[in-house]
Amino acid sequence: MVNGGTVNTWICINFSRSVQDSVAGGFCSELAHMCHISGMV
């Protein structure tokens, strides 16, 4: 990011029929956590 920024809301959409909602939700939670600890939030 050039000037920095803040993400106030995360959304995750699972379009795969073969991936369980809990697995997709866990992935999105981990992604948001990694972005947060990396300073992207």
PDB file of N, CA and C in Angstrom:
ATOM      1  N   MET A   1       0.840  -1.183   0.000  1.00  0.00           N
ATOM      2  CA  MET A   1       0.000   0.000   0.000  1.00  0.00           C
ATOM      3  C   MET A   1       0.883   1.243   0.000  1.00  0.00           C
ATOM      4  N   VAL A   2       0.469   2.211  -0.713  1.00  0.00           N
ATOM      5  CA  VAL A   2       1.244   3.437  -0.816  1.00  0.00           C
ATOM      6  C   VAL A   2       1.033   4.310   0.405  1.00  0.00           C
ATOM      7  N   ASN A   3      -0.206   4.638   0.729  1.00  0.00           N
ATOM      8  CA  ASN A   3      -0.504   5.538   1.834  1.00  0.00           C
ATOM      9  C   ASN A   3      -1.050   4.823   3.067  1.00  0.00           C
ATOM     10  N   GLY A   4      -1.068   3.510   3.045  1.00  0.00           N
ATOM     11  CA  GLY A   4      -1.636   2.764   4.165  1.00  0.00           C
ATOM     12  C   GLY A   4      -3.145   2.695   4.047  1.00  0.00           C
ATOM     13  N   GLY A   5      -3.745   1.995   4.956  1.00  0.00           N
ATOM     14  CA  GLY A   5      -5.192   1.871   4.916  1.00  0.00           C
ATOM     15  C   GLY A   5      -5.696   1.011   6.053  1.00  0.00           C
ATOM     16  N   THR A   6      -6.988   0.964   6.193  1.00  0.00           N
ATOM     17  CA  THR A   6      -7.637   0.188   7.241  1.00  0.00           C
ATOM     18  C   THR A   6      -8.766  -0.622   6.638  1.00  0.00           C
ATOM     19  N   VAL A   7      -8.864  -1.860   7.062  1.00  0.00           N
ATOM     20  CA  VAL A   7      -9.972  -2.722   6.654  1.00  0.00           C
ATOM     21  C   VAL A   7     -10.874  -2.885   7.864  1.00  0.00           C
ATOM     22  N   ASN A   8     -12.083  -2.368   7.785  1.00  0.00           N
ATOM     23  CA  ASN A   8     -13.012  -2.448   8.908  1.00  0.00           C
ATOM     24  C   ASN A   8     -13.872  -3.699   8.861  1.00  0.00           C
ATOM     25  N   THR A   9     -14.108  -4.229   7.686  1.00  0.00           N
ATOM     26  CA  THR A   9     -14.995  -5.376   7.530  1.00  0.00           C
ATOM     27  C   THR A   9     -14.388  -6.374   6.555  1.00  0.00           C
ATOM     28  N   TRP A  10     -14.405  -7.654   6.930  1.00  0.00           N
ATOM     29  CA  TRP A  10     -13.934  -8.725   6.060  1.00  0.00           C
ATOM     30  C   TRP A  10     -15.135  -9.513   5.569  1.00  0.00           C
ATOM     31  N   ILE A  11     -15.055 -10.016   4.362  1.00  0.00           N
ATOM     32  CA  ILE A  11     -16.101 -10.898   3.844  1.00  0.00           C
ATOM     33  C   ILE A  11     -15.421 -12.029   3.077  1.00  0.00           C
ATOM     34  N   CYS A  12     -15.985 -13.196   3.189  1.00  0.00           N
ATOM     35  CA  CYS A  12     -15.451 -14.359   2.485  1.00  0.00           C
ATOM     36  C   CYS A  12     -16.618 -15.091   1.839  1.00  0.00           C
ATOM     37  N   ILE A  13     -16.506 -15.366   0.554  1.00  0.00           N
ATOM     38  CA  ILE A  13     -17.565 -16.058  -0.176  1.00  0.00           C
ATOM     39  C   ILE A  13     -17.011 -17.384  -0.684  1.00  0.00           C
ATOM     40  N   ASN A  14     -17.685 -18.462  -0.351  1.00  0.00           N
ATOM     41  CA  ASN A  14     -17.281 -19.801  -0.764  1.00  0.00           C
ATOM     42  C   ASN A  14     -18.172 -20.245  -1.927  1.00  0.00           C
ATOM     43  N   PHE A  15     -17.602 -20.318  -3.123  1.00  0.00           N
ATOM     44  CA  PHE A  15     -18.349 -20.744  -4.300  1.00  0.00           C
ATOM     45  C   PHE A  15     -18.179 -22.238  -4.581  1.00  0.00           C
ATOM     46  N   SER A  16     -17.358 -22.906  -3.807  1.00  0.00           N
ATOM     47  CA  SER A  16     -17.081 -24.321  -4.038  1.00  0.00           C
ATOM     48  C   SER A  16     -18.092 -25.203  -3.318  1.00  0.00           C
ATOM     49  N   ARG A  17     -18.649 -26.148  -4.034  1.00  0.00           N
ATOM     50  CA  ARG A  17     -19.587 -27.091  -3.420  1.00  0.00           C
ATOM     51  C   ARG A  17     -18.856 -28.186  -2.657  1.00  0.00           C
ATOM     52  N   SER A  18     -17.578 -28.395  -2.974  1.00  0.00           N
ATOM     53  CA  SER A  18     -16.833 -29.489  -2.359  1.00  0.00           C
ATOM     54  C   SER A  18     -16.067 -29.070  -1.102  1.00  0.00           C
ATOM     55  N   VAL A  19     -16.105 -27.797  -0.748  1.00  0.00           N
ATOM     56  CA  VAL A  19     -15.419 -27.311   0.451  1.00  0.00           C
ATOM     57  C   VAL A  19     -16.463 -26.992   1.508  1.00  0.00           C
ATOM     58  N   GLN A  20     -16.309 -27.601   2.682  1.00  0.00           N
ATOM     59  CA  GLN A  20     -17.259 -27.372   3.764  1.00  0.00           C
ATOM     60  C   GLN A  20     -17.181 -25.928   4.250  1.00  0.00           C
ATOM     61  N   ASP A  21     -18.306 -25.418   4.731  1.00  0.00           N
ATOM     62  CA  ASP A  21     -18.358 -24.041   5.225  1.00  0.00           C
ATOM     63  C   ASP A  21     -17.364 -23.812   6.352  1.00  0.00           C
ATOM     64  N   SER A  22     -17.195 -24.790   7.228  1.00  0.00           N
ATOM     65  CA  SER A  22     -16.271 -24.625   8.353  1.00  0.00           C
ATOM     66  C   SER A  22     -14.827 -24.511   7.875  1.00  0.00           C
ATOM     67  N   VAL A  23     -14.476 -25.239   6.824  1.00  0.00           N
ATOM     68  CA  VAL A  23     -13.124 -25.174   6.270  1.00  0.00           C
ATOM     69  C   VAL A  23     -12.894 -23.817   5.609  1.00  0.00           C
ATOM     70  N   ALA A  24     -13.854 -23.364   4.813  1.00  0.00           N
ATOM     71  CA  ALA A  24     -13.740 -22.058   4.162  1.00  0.00           C
ATOM     72  C   ALA A  24     -13.703 -20.946   5.205  1.00  0.00           C
ATOM     73  N   GLY A  25     -14.531 -21.058   6.239  1.00  0.00           N
ATOM     74  CA  GLY A  25     -14.538 -20.058   7.300  1.00  0.00           C
ATOM     75  C   GLY A  25     -13.220 -20.013   8.043  1.00  0.00           C
ATOM     76  N   GLY A  26     -12.643 -21.185   8.305  1.00  0.00           N
ATOM     77  CA  GLY A  26     -11.339 -21.247   8.965  1.00  0.00           C
ATOM     78  C   GLY A  26     -10.252 -20.607   8.120  1.00  0.00           C
ATOM     79  N   PHE A  27     -10.286 -20.858   6.806  1.00  0.00           N
ATOM     80  CA  PHE A  27      -9.315 -20.246   5.904  1.00  0.00           C
ATOM     81  C   PHE A  27      -9.427 -18.727   5.933  1.00  0.00           C
ATOM     82  N   CYS A  28     -10.644 -18.223   5.857  1.00  0.00           N
ATOM     83  CA  CYS A  28     -10.847 -16.776   5.850  1.00  0.00           C
ATOM     84  C   CYS A  28     -10.424 -16.149   7.176  1.00  0.00           C
ATOM     85  N   SER A  29     -10.684 -16.832   8.274  1.00  0.00           N
ATOM     86  CA  SER A  29     -10.262 -16.328   9.585  1.00  0.00           C
ATOM     87  C   SER A  29      -8.746 -16.253   9.673  1.00  0.00           C
ATOM     88  N   GLU A  30      -8.077 -17.293   9.190  1.00  0.00           N
ATOM     89  CA  GLU A  30      -6.612 -17.297   9.203  1.00  0.00           C
ATOM     90  C   GLU A  30      -6.045 -16.220   8.280  1.00  0.00           C
ATOM     91  N   LEU A  31      -6.682 -16.016   7.133  1.00  0.00           N
ATOM     92  CA  LEU A  31      -6.237 -14.977   6.206  1.00  0.00           C
ATOM     93  C   LEU A  31      -6.350 -13.599   6.847  1.00  0.00           C
ATOM     94  N   ALA A  32      -7.470 -13.327   7.487  1.00  0.00           N
ATOM     95  CA  ALA A  32      -7.654 -12.042   8.158  1.00  0.00           C
ATOM     96  C   ALA A  32      -6.647 -11.880   9.285  1.00  0.00           C
ATOM     97  N   HIS A  33      -6.384 -12.954  10.021  1.00  0.00           N
ATOM     98  CA  HIS A  33      -5.417 -12.897  11.122  1.00  0.00           C
ATOM     99  C   HIS A  33      -4.012 -12.601  10.596  1.00  0.00           C
ATOM    100  N   MET A  34      -3.609 -13.274   9.525  1.00  0.00           N
ATOM    101  CA  MET A  34      -2.283 -13.044   8.948  1.00  0.00           C
ATOM    102  C   MET A  34      -2.143 -11.616   8.428  1.00  0.00           C
ATOM    103  N   CYS A  35      -3.190 -11.097   7.814  1.00  0.00           N
ATOM    104  CA  CYS A  35      -3.150  -9.711   7.346  1.00  0.00           C
ATOM    105  C   CYS A  35      -3.017  -8.755   8.526  1.00  0.00           C
ATOM    106  N   HIS A  36      -3.716  -9.056   9.605  1.00  0.00           N
ATOM    107  CA  HIS A  36      -3.674  -8.201  10.793  1.00  0.00           C
ATOM    108  C   HIS A  36      -2.277  -8.191  11.413  1.00  0.00           C
ATOM    109  N   ILE A  37      -1.678  -9.368  11.612  1.00  0.00           N
ATOM    110  CA  ILE A  37      -0.361  -9.404  12.251  1.00  0.00           C
ATOM    111  C   ILE A  37       0.744  -8.919  11.318  1.00  0.00           C
ATOM    112  N   SER A  38       0.464  -8.872  10.014  1.00  0.00           N
ATOM    113  CA  SER A  38       1.440  -8.350   9.059  1.00  0.00           C
ATOM    114  C   SER A  38       1.353  -6.837   8.926  1.00  0.00           C
ATOM    115  N   GLY A  39       0.397  -6.238   9.631  1.00  0.00           N
ATOM    116  CA  GLY A  39       0.268  -4.784   9.597  1.00  0.00           C
ATOM    117  C   GLY A  39      -0.611  -4.261   8.486  1.00  0.00           C
ATOM    118  N   MET A  40      -1.426  -5.113   7.895  1.00  0.00           N
ATOM    119  CA  MET A  40      -2.287  -4.669   6.801  1.00  0.00           C
ATOM    120  C   MET A  40      -3.611  -4.120   7.288  1.00  0.00           C
ATOM    121  N   VAL A  41      -3.827  -4.144   8.589  1.00  0.00           N
ATOM    122  CA  VAL A  41      -5.091  -3.645   9.139  1.00  0.00           C
ATOM    123  C   VAL A  41      -4.809  -2.430   9.977  1.00  0.00           C
TER     124      VAL A  41
END
